């Protein structure tokens, strides 16, 4: 079963977009463009990003 985590390798701010891209198996740039579109056109992207950064757990290394 796949789990959603904030990415530690595809991280620009907090890793939310990288984590979503890894979860859905698509390129991280596509997620970032969608998020930028939500921010510019709907205005809700910033609020959704902050909520996602708080709710989505950090990725833990497999050796822990």
C-alpha atoms as a PDB file:
ATOM      1  CA  UNK A   1       0.000   0.000   0.000  1.00  0.00           C
ATOM      2  CA  UNK A   2       1.372   3.385  -1.031  1.00  0.00           C
ATOM      3  CA  UNK A   3       1.526   6.164   1.539  1.00  0.00           C
ATOM      4  CA  UNK A   4       1.712   9.895   0.967  1.00  0.00           C
ATOM      5  CA  UNK A   5       4.759  11.600   2.473  1.00  0.00           C
ATOM      6  CA  UNK A   6       6.529  14.907   1.950  1.00  0.00           C
ATOM      7  CA  UNK A   7       9.535  14.184  -0.242  1.00  0.00           C
ATOM      8  CA  UNK A   8      13.032  14.740   1.062  1.00  0.00           C
ATOM      9  CA  UNK A   9      14.664  14.354  -2.360  1.00  0.00           C
ATOM     10  CA  UNK A  10      12.274  16.467  -4.518  1.00  0.00           C
ATOM     11  CA  UNK A  11      12.059  19.338  -2.049  1.00  0.00           C
ATOM     12  CA  UNK A  12      11.907  23.070  -2.802  1.00  0.00           C
ATOM     13  CA  UNK A  13       9.952  24.484   0.139  1.00  0.00           C
ATOM     14  CA  UNK A  14       8.610  21.648   2.266  1.00  0.00           C
ATOM     15  CA  UNK A  15       8.418  18.696  -0.142  1.00  0.00           C
ATOM     16  CA  UNK A  16       4.656  18.636  -0.662  1.00  0.00           C
ATOM     17  CA  UNK A  17       4.757  18.745  -4.476  1.00  0.00           C
ATOM     18  CA  UNK A  18       7.560  16.186  -4.591  1.00  0.00           C
ATOM     19  CA  UNK A  19       5.629  13.864  -2.322  1.00  0.00           C
ATOM     20  CA  UNK A  20       2.481  14.161  -4.434  1.00  0.00           C
ATOM     21  CA  UNK A  21       4.473  13.479  -7.594  1.00  0.00           C
ATOM     22  CA  UNK A  22       6.060  10.369  -6.081  1.00  0.00           C
ATOM     23  CA  UNK A  23       2.668   9.156  -4.827  1.00  0.00           C
ATOM     24  CA  UNK A  24       0.939   9.541  -8.204  1.00  0.00           C
ATOM     25  CA  UNK A  25       4.010   8.487 -10.216  1.00  0.00           C
ATOM     26  CA  UNK A  26       4.220  11.621 -12.360  1.00  0.00           C
ATOM     27  CA  UNK A  27       6.834  14.309 -12.947  1.00  0.00           C
ATOM     28  CA  UNK A  28       7.168  16.809 -10.087  1.00  0.00           C
ATOM     29  CA  UNK A  29       7.167  19.729 -12.559  1.00  0.00           C
ATOM     30  CA  UNK A  30       3.581  18.918 -13.545  1.00  0.00           C
ATOM     31  CA  UNK A  31       2.449  19.060  -9.908  1.00  0.00           C
ATOM     32  CA  UNK A  32       4.277  22.359  -9.395  1.00  0.00           C
ATOM     33  CA  UNK A  33       2.653  23.875 -12.506  1.00  0.00           C
ATOM     34  CA  UNK A  34      -0.792  22.778 -11.334  1.00  0.00           C
ATOM     35  CA  UNK A  35      -0.102  24.254  -7.896  1.00  0.00           C
ATOM     36  CA  UNK A  36       1.095  27.534  -9.455  1.00  0.00           C
ATOM     37  CA  UNK A  37      -2.075  27.656 -11.558  1.00  0.00           C
ATOM     38  CA  UNK A  38      -4.241  27.171  -8.478  1.00  0.00           C
ATOM     39  CA  UNK A  39      -2.373  29.962  -6.745  1.00  0.00           C
ATOM     40  CA  UNK A  40      -2.567  32.428  -9.635  1.00  0.00           C
ATOM     41  CA  UNK A  41      -6.070  31.753 -10.911  1.00  0.00           C
ATOM     42  CA  UNK A  42      -8.081  30.447  -7.977  1.00  0.00           C
ATOM     43  CA  UNK A  43      -6.101  32.031  -5.156  1.00  0.00           C
ATOM     44  CA  UNK A  44      -6.493  28.910  -3.038  1.00  0.00           C
ATOM     45  CA  UNK A  45      -3.114  27.339  -3.831  1.00  0.00           C
ATOM     46  CA  UNK A  46      -1.203  29.027  -1.011  1.00  0.00           C
ATOM     47  CA  UNK A  47      -3.753  28.040   1.623  1.00  0.00           C
ATOM     48  CA  UNK A  48      -3.916  24.465   0.309  1.00  0.00           C
ATOM     49  CA  UNK A  49      -0.114  24.223   0.311  1.00  0.00           C
ATOM     50  CA  UNK A  50       0.123  25.394   3.917  1.00  0.00           C
ATOM     51  CA  UNK A  51      -2.550  22.906   4.994  1.00  0.00           C
ATOM     52  CA  UNK A  52      -0.839  20.085   3.083  1.00  0.00           C
ATOM     53  CA  UNK A  53       2.557  20.973   4.587  1.00  0.00           C
ATOM     54  CA  UNK A  54       1.049  20.684   8.070  1.00  0.00           C
ATOM     55  CA  UNK A  55      -1.004  17.524   7.483  1.00  0.00           C
ATOM     56  CA  UNK A  56       1.279  15.363   5.300  1.00  0.00           C
ATOM     57  CA  UNK A  57       3.977  13.607   7.376  1.00  0.00           C
ATOM     58  CA  UNK A  58       7.693  13.769   6.571  1.00  0.00           C
ATOM     59  CA  UNK A  59       9.285  10.892   4.707  1.00  0.00           C
ATOM     60  CA  UNK A  60      11.316   8.699   7.032  1.00  0.00           C
ATOM     61  CA  UNK A  61      14.401   6.798   5.882  1.00  0.00           C
ATOM     62  CA  UNK A  62      13.790   3.086   5.356  1.00  0.00           C
ATOM     63  CA  UNK A  63      16.498   2.106   7.847  1.00  0.00           C
ATOM     64  CA  UNK A  64      14.601   3.682  10.772  1.00  0.00           C
END
